[in-house]
Amino acid sequence: MKISTDFTIALPPQEAYRFLLDVEQVAPCVPGGELGSAAADGSYPAKVTVRLGPMRLRYDGSLWISEQDDASRRAVLRAKARETGAHGSLEASMTMHVTPNGEGSRVDVLTELALAGRAARMGRGIVDEVVRRLVSDMASCLEQRLGDQGDGLELPAAVPQISGIKLLLRAVAERLGRIGRKGER
């Protein structure tokens, strides 16, 4: 499945691009994510945990930057993981493109996601909404990190584990809101 999202960041494009390629700097903003030290090949061991009601999904795998075009400020981050204690898996490719947006930058992200197992049975609509919310939460965290760096304050700790119930309720509410707006036309 393909999911397009975007967010803005208060840095000029080249600085934003360099900041977003610093996987160790960005990783703490991924809700429920943990990042290990870089391997010799440039990949990182990674874990992410999601709770959806009584279901707890934990994935262990790795991520790496597979493509990088500094001139056009475009990069591709890939991830591959297996669900711990179950038969699920995920493969993701996130292509980011950083462009000027006033004095800051706009970051367009195209995520290509292949899921197998329990997460795949949730349905495309819910997965799409959850991914959009995750990108939004990550963007908010990045803005806070950038602001705190500028203020000389300590950077915030990692974002807490993803609350599946909260994400699911927000996703359903947003979906119902869109359905209601269509009915008003």
C-alpha atoms as a PDB file:
ATOM      1  CA  MET A   1       0.000   0.000   0.000  1.00  0.00           C
ATOM      2  CA  LYS A   2       1.155   3.546  -0.748  1.00  0.00           C
ATOM      3  CA  ILE A   3       0.540   6.392   1.678  1.00  0.00           C
ATOM      4  CA  SER A   4       1.410  10.037   0.949  1.00  0.00           C
ATOM      5  CA  THR A   5       1.961  12.467   3.804  1.00  0.00           C
ATOM      6  CA  ASP A   6       3.720  15.776   4.286  1.00  0.00           C
ATOM      7  CA  PHE A   7       4.814  18.115   7.046  1.00  0.00           C
ATOM      8  CA  THR A   8       6.697  21.374   7.441  1.00  0.00           C
ATOM      9  CA  ILE A   9       9.851  22.003   9.381  1.00  0.00           C
ATOM     10  CA  ALA A  10      11.329  25.344  10.474  1.00  0.00           C
ATOM     11  CA  LEU A  11      14.717  24.939   8.805  1.00  0.00           C
ATOM     12  CA  PRO A  12      15.918  25.990   5.364  1.00  0.00           C
ATOM     13  CA  PRO A  13      15.702  23.058   2.892  1.00  0.00           C
ATOM     14  CA  GLN A  14      19.366  22.025   2.897  1.00  0.00           C
ATOM     15  CA  GLU A  15      19.562  22.079   6.709  1.00  0.00           C
ATOM     16  CA  ALA A  16      16.237  20.237   7.017  1.00  0.00           C
ATOM     17  CA  TYR A  17      17.440  17.596   4.582  1.00  0.00           C
ATOM     18  CA  ARG A  18      20.708  17.053   6.491  1.00  0.00           C
ATOM     19  CA  PHE A  19      18.822  16.944   9.814  1.00  0.00           C
ATOM     20  CA  LEU A  20      16.324  14.359   8.524  1.00  0.00           C
ATOM     21  CA  LEU A  21      19.139  12.127   7.230  1.00  0.00           C
ATOM     22  CA  ASP A  22      20.605  11.956  10.733  1.00  0.00           C
ATOM     23  CA  VAL A  23      18.797   8.755  11.674  1.00  0.00           C
ATOM     24  CA  GLU A  24      20.039   8.859  15.274  1.00  0.00           C
ATOM     25  CA  GLN A  25      18.670  12.403  15.696  1.00  0.00           C
ATOM     26  CA  VAL A  26      15.261  11.608  14.161  1.00  0.00           C
ATOM     27  CA  ALA A  27      14.694   8.125  15.662  1.00  0.00           C
ATOM     28  CA  PRO A  28      13.641   9.332  19.131  1.00  0.00           C
ATOM     29  CA  CYS A  29      10.665  11.048  17.469  1.00  0.00           C
ATOM     30  CA  VAL A  30       9.245   7.808  16.068  1.00  0.00           C
ATOM     31  CA  PRO A  31       6.489   6.836  18.531  1.00  0.00           C
ATOM     32  CA  GLY A  32       7.231   3.447  20.089  1.00  0.00           C
ATOM     33  CA  GLY A  33      10.541   3.172  18.257  1.00  0.00           C
ATOM     34  CA  GLU A  34      13.980   2.151  19.497  1.00  0.00           C
ATOM     35  CA  LEU A  35      17.175   2.428  17.488  1.00  0.00           C
ATOM     36  CA  GLY A  36      20.445   0.566  18.058  1.00  0.00           C
ATOM     37  CA  SER A  37      23.928   1.626  17.061  1.00  0.00           C
ATOM     38  CA  ALA A  38      24.858   1.759  13.403  1.00  0.00           C
ATOM     39  CA  ALA A  39      26.332  -1.402  11.909  1.00  0.00           C
ATOM     40  CA  ALA A  40      29.394  -1.359   9.654  1.00  0.00           C
ATOM     41  CA  ASP A  41      27.136  -1.445   6.562  1.00  0.00           C
ATOM     42  CA  GLY A  42      25.271   1.714   7.685  1.00  0.00           C
ATOM     43  CA  SER A  43      22.096  -0.099   8.764  1.00  0.00           C
ATOM     44  CA  TYR A  44      20.578   0.257  12.228  1.00  0.00           C
ATOM     45  CA  PRO A  45      18.882  -2.422  14.298  1.00  0.00           C
ATOM     46  CA  ALA A  46      15.424  -1.096  15.129  1.00  0.00           C
ATOM     47  CA  LYS A  47      12.342  -2.031  17.145  1.00  0.00           C
ATOM     48  CA  VAL A  48       8.850  -0.583  17.217  1.00  0.00           C
ATOM     49  CA  THR A  49       5.933  -1.459  19.476  1.00  0.00           C
ATOM     50  CA  VAL A  50       2.272  -0.693  18.802  1.00  0.00           C
ATOM     51  CA  ARG A  51      -0.673  -1.461  21.079  1.00  0.00           C
ATOM     52  CA  LEU A  52      -4.074  -1.861  19.466  1.00  0.00           C
ATOM     53  CA  GLY A  53      -6.550  -2.571  22.238  1.00  0.00           C
ATOM     54  CA  PRO A  54      -5.506  -5.891  23.762  1.00  0.00           C
ATOM     55  CA  MET A  55      -3.119  -6.549  20.850  1.00  0.00           C
ATOM     56  CA  ARG A  56       0.527  -5.641  21.254  1.00  0.00           C
ATOM     57  CA  LEU A  57       2.548  -5.702  18.058  1.00  0.00           C
ATOM     58  CA  ARG A  58       6.315  -5.601  18.369  1.00  0.00           C
ATOM     59  CA  TYR A  59       8.589  -5.622  15.359  1.00  0.00           C
ATOM     60  CA  ASP A  60      12.342  -6.237  15.354  1.00  0.00           C
ATOM     61  CA  GLY A  61      14.369  -5.524  12.261  1.00  0.00           C
ATOM     62  CA  SER A  62      16.645  -2.996  10.663  1.00  0.00           C
ATOM     63  CA  LEU A  63      16.527   0.219   8.711  1.00  0.00           C
ATOM     64  CA  TRP A  64      18.908   1.964   6.394  1.00  0.00           C
ATOM     65  CA  ILE A  65      19.153   4.830   3.925  1.00  0.00           C
ATOM     66  CA  SER A  66      19.096   3.084   0.559  1.00  0.00           C
ATOM     67  CA  GLU A  67      19.190   6.130  -1.733  1.00  0.00           C
ATOM     68  CA  GLN A  68      20.389   9.673  -1.255  1.00  0.00           C
ATOM     69  CA  ASP A  69      20.343  12.505  -3.814  1.00  0.00           C
ATOM     70  CA  ASP A  70      21.743  15.564  -2.053  1.00  0.00           C
ATOM     71  CA  ALA A  71      21.288  17.868  -5.071  1.00  0.00           C
ATOM     72  CA  SER A  72      17.515  17.338  -5.188  1.00  0.00           C
ATOM     73  CA  ARG A  73      17.197  16.770  -1.391  1.00  0.00           C
ATOM     74  CA  ARG A  74      15.581  13.370  -1.910  1.00  0.00           C
ATOM     75  CA  ALA A  75      16.315  10.196   0.057  1.00  0.00           C
ATOM     76  CA  VAL A  76      14.827   6.748   0.571  1.00  0.00           C
ATOM     77  CA  LEU A  77      14.776   5.023   3.945  1.00  0.00           C
ATOM     78  CA  ARG A  78      14.006   1.313   3.963  1.00  0.00           C
ATOM     79  CA  ALA A  79      12.953  -0.925   6.842  1.00  0.00           C
ATOM     80  CA  LYS A  80      12.432  -4.634   7.159  1.00  0.00           C
ATOM     81  CA  ALA A  81      11.152  -6.303  10.333  1.00  0.00           C
ATOM     82  CA  ARG A  82       9.504  -9.424  11.740  1.00  0.00           C
ATOM     83  CA  GLU A  83       6.782  -9.413  14.357  1.00  0.00           C
ATOM     84  CA  THR A  84       8.166 -10.783  17.621  1.00  0.00           C
ATOM     85  CA  GLY A  85       6.391 -13.942  18.761  1.00  0.00           C
ATOM     86  CA  ALA A  86       4.120 -14.098  15.719  1.00  0.00           C
ATOM     87  CA  HIS A  87       4.268 -14.653  11.975  1.00  0.00           C
ATOM     88  CA  GLY A  88       3.821 -11.041  10.900  1.00  0.00           C
ATOM     89  CA  SER A  89       6.288  -8.924   9.007  1.00  0.00           C
ATOM     90  CA  LEU A  90       6.661  -5.515   7.477  1.00  0.00           C
ATOM     91  CA  GLU A  91       8.688  -3.999   4.711  1.00  0.00           C
ATOM     92  CA  ALA A  92       8.636  -0.273   4.205  1.00  0.00           C
ATOM     93  CA  SER A  93      10.174   2.217   1.860  1.00  0.00           C
ATOM     94  CA  MET A  94       9.845   5.902   2.796  1.00  0.00           C
ATOM     95  CA  THR A  95      10.835   8.377   0.105  1.00  0.00           C
ATOM     96  CA  MET A  96      11.284  11.921   1.384  1.00  0.00           C
ATOM     97  CA  HIS A  97      11.682  15.027  -0.705  1.00  0.00           C
ATOM     98  CA  VAL A  98      12.501  18.362   0.949  1.00  0.00           C
ATOM     99  CA  THR A  99      11.439  21.577  -0.807  1.00  0.00           C
ATOM    100  CA  PRO A 100      11.364  25.273   0.192  1.00  0.00           C
ATOM    101  CA  ASN A 101       8.312  26.484   2.126  1.00  0.00           C
ATOM    102  CA  GLY A 102       8.634  30.162   3.024  1.00  0.00           C
ATOM    103  CA  GLU A 103      11.632  30.398   5.341  1.00  0.00           C
ATOM    104  CA  GLY A 104      11.303  26.725   6.260  1.00  0.00           C
ATOM    105  CA  SER A 105      10.815  23.493   4.382  1.00  0.00           C
ATOM    106  CA  ARG A 106       8.085  21.153   3.291  1.00  0.00           C
ATOM    107  CA  VAL A 107       8.816  17.445   3.530  1.00  0.00           C
ATOM    108  CA  ASP A 108       6.776  15.172   1.267  1.00  0.00           C
ATOM    109  CA  VAL A 109       6.874  11.519   2.256  1.00  0.00           C
ATOM    110  CA  LEU A 110       5.672   8.600   0.171  1.00  0.00           C
ATOM    111  CA  THR A 111       5.518   5.409   2.217  1.00  0.00           C
ATOM    112  CA  GLU A 112       5.218   2.079   0.466  1.00  0.00           C
ATOM    113  CA  LEU A 113       4.252  -0.476   3.083  1.00  0.00           C
ATOM    114  CA  ALA A 114       3.851  -4.229   2.849  1.00  0.00           C
ATOM    115  CA  LEU A 115       2.361  -5.893   5.936  1.00  0.00           C
ATOM    116  CA  ALA A 116       1.717  -9.533   6.731  1.00  0.00           C
ATOM    117  CA  GLY A 117       0.116 -11.024   9.830  1.00  0.00           C
ATOM    118  CA  ARG A 118      -2.140  -9.433  12.429  1.00  0.00           C
ATOM    119  CA  ALA A 119      -1.463  -5.827  11.366  1.00  0.00           C
ATOM    120  CA  ALA A 120      -2.443  -6.609   7.773  1.00  0.00           C
ATOM    121  CA  ARG A 121      -5.857  -7.811   8.947  1.00  0.00           C
ATOM    122  CA  MET A 122      -6.664  -4.377  10.423  1.00  0.00           C
ATOM    123  CA  GLY A 123      -7.581  -3.093   6.973  1.00  0.00           C
ATOM    124  CA  ARG A 124      -6.027  -0.520   4.690  1.00  0.00           C
ATOM    125  CA  GLY A 125      -8.141   2.415   5.886  1.00  0.00           C
ATOM    126  CA  ILE A 126      -7.138   2.047   9.523  1.00  0.00           C
ATOM    127  CA  VAL A 127      -3.474   1.397   8.673  1.00  0.00           C
ATOM    128  CA  ASP A 128      -3.492   4.479   6.420  1.00  0.00           C
ATOM    129  CA  GLU A 129      -4.914   6.664   9.223  1.00  0.00           C
ATOM    130  CA  VAL A 130      -2.480   5.263  11.802  1.00  0.00           C
ATOM    131  CA  VAL A 131       0.510   5.936   9.495  1.00  0.00           C
ATOM    132  CA  ARG A 132      -0.714   9.496   8.870  1.00  0.00           C
ATOM    133  CA  ARG A 133      -1.068  10.093  12.611  1.00  0.00           C
ATOM    134  CA  LEU A 134       2.407   8.648  13.267  1.00  0.00           C
ATOM    135  CA  VAL A 135       3.963  10.998  10.698  1.00  0.00           C
ATOM    136  CA  SER A 136       2.070  13.923  12.244  1.00  0.00           C
ATOM    137  CA  ASP A 137       3.238  13.017  15.773  1.00  0.00           C
ATOM    138  CA  MET A 138       6.800  12.555  14.502  1.00  0.00           C
ATOM    139  CA  ALA A 139       6.726  15.962  12.765  1.00  0.00           C
ATOM    140  CA  SER A 140       5.503  17.637  15.977  1.00  0.00           C
ATOM    141  CA  CYS A 141       8.312  16.000  17.927  1.00  0.00           C
ATOM    142  CA  LEU A 142      10.891  17.090  15.334  1.00  0.00           C
ATOM    143  CA  GLU A 143       9.667  20.693  15.561  1.00  0.00           C
ATOM    144  CA  GLN A 144       9.970  20.516  19.363  1.00  0.00           C
ATOM    145  CA  ARG A 145      13.488  19.054  19.118  1.00  0.00           C
ATOM    146  CA  LEU A 146      14.548  21.812  16.720  1.00  0.00           C
ATOM    147  CA  GLY A 147      13.035  24.503  18.952  1.00  0.00           C
ATOM    148  CA  ASP A 148      14.675  23.054  22.061  1.00  0.00           C
ATOM    149  CA  GLN A 149      18.054  22.902  20.299  1.00  0.00           C
ATOM    150  CA  GLY A 150      17.729  26.574  19.408  1.00  0.00           C
ATOM    151  CA  ASP A 151      16.838  27.436  23.002  1.00  0.00           C
ATOM    152  CA  GLY A 152      19.849  25.518  24.331  1.00  0.00           C
ATOM    153  CA  LEU A 153      17.555  23.199  26.292  1.00  0.00           C
ATOM    154  CA  GLU A 154      17.978  19.484  26.718  1.00  0.00           C
ATOM    155  CA  LEU A 155      16.393  17.506  23.892  1.00  0.00           C
ATOM    156  CA  PRO A 156      13.223  15.619  24.779  1.00  0.00           C
ATOM    157  CA  ALA A 157      13.492  11.900  25.458  1.00  0.00           C
ATOM    158  CA  ALA A 158      12.118   9.343  23.064  1.00  0.00           C
ATOM    159  CA  VAL A 159       8.444   9.553  22.218  1.00  0.00           C
ATOM    160  CA  PRO A 160       6.477   7.016  24.279  1.00  0.00           C
ATOM    161  CA  GLN A 161       5.185   3.764  22.894  1.00  0.00           C
ATOM    162  CA  ILE A 162       2.367   4.184  20.407  1.00  0.00           C
ATOM    163  CA  SER A 163      -1.018   4.116  22.076  1.00  0.00           C
ATOM    164  CA  GLY A 164      -3.019   2.041  19.651  1.00  0.00           C
ATOM    165  CA  ILE A 165      -6.330   2.832  21.290  1.00  0.00           C
ATOM    166  CA  LYS A 166      -5.722   6.580  21.012  1.00  0.00           C
ATOM    167  CA  LEU A 167      -4.510   6.286  17.421  1.00  0.00           C
ATOM    168  CA  LEU A 168      -7.373   4.003  16.469  1.00  0.00           C
ATOM    169  CA  LEU A 169      -9.968   6.316  18.044  1.00  0.00           C
ATOM    170  CA  ARG A 170      -8.457   9.351  16.298  1.00  0.00           C
ATOM    171  CA  ALA A 171      -8.349   7.484  12.992  1.00  0.00           C
ATOM    172  CA  VAL A 172     -11.983   6.399  13.297  1.00  0.00           C
ATOM    173  CA  ALA A 173     -13.080   9.916  14.348  1.00  0.00           C
ATOM    174  CA  GLU A 174     -11.260  11.496  11.386  1.00  0.00           C
ATOM    175  CA  ARG A 175     -12.776   8.923   9.023  1.00  0.00           C
ATOM    176  CA  LEU A 176     -16.285   9.542  10.368  1.00  0.00           C
ATOM    177  CA  GLY A 177     -15.737  13.281  10.069  1.00  0.00           C
ATOM    178  CA  ARG A 178     -14.827  12.897   6.401  1.00  0.00           C
ATOM    179  CA  ILE A 179     -17.894  10.723   5.800  1.00  0.00           C
ATOM    180  CA  GLY A 180     -20.078  13.332   7.536  1.00  0.00           C
ATOM    181  CA  ARG A 181     -18.622  16.148   5.415  1.00  0.00           C
ATOM    182  CA  LYS A 182     -19.315  14.169   2.236  1.00  0.00           C
ATOM    183  CA  GLY A 183     -22.943  13.714   3.335  1.00  0.00           C
ATOM    184  CA  GLU A 184     -23.362  17.494   3.820  1.00  0.00           C
ATOM    185  CA  ARG A 185     -22.584  18.249   0.171  1.00  0.00           C
END
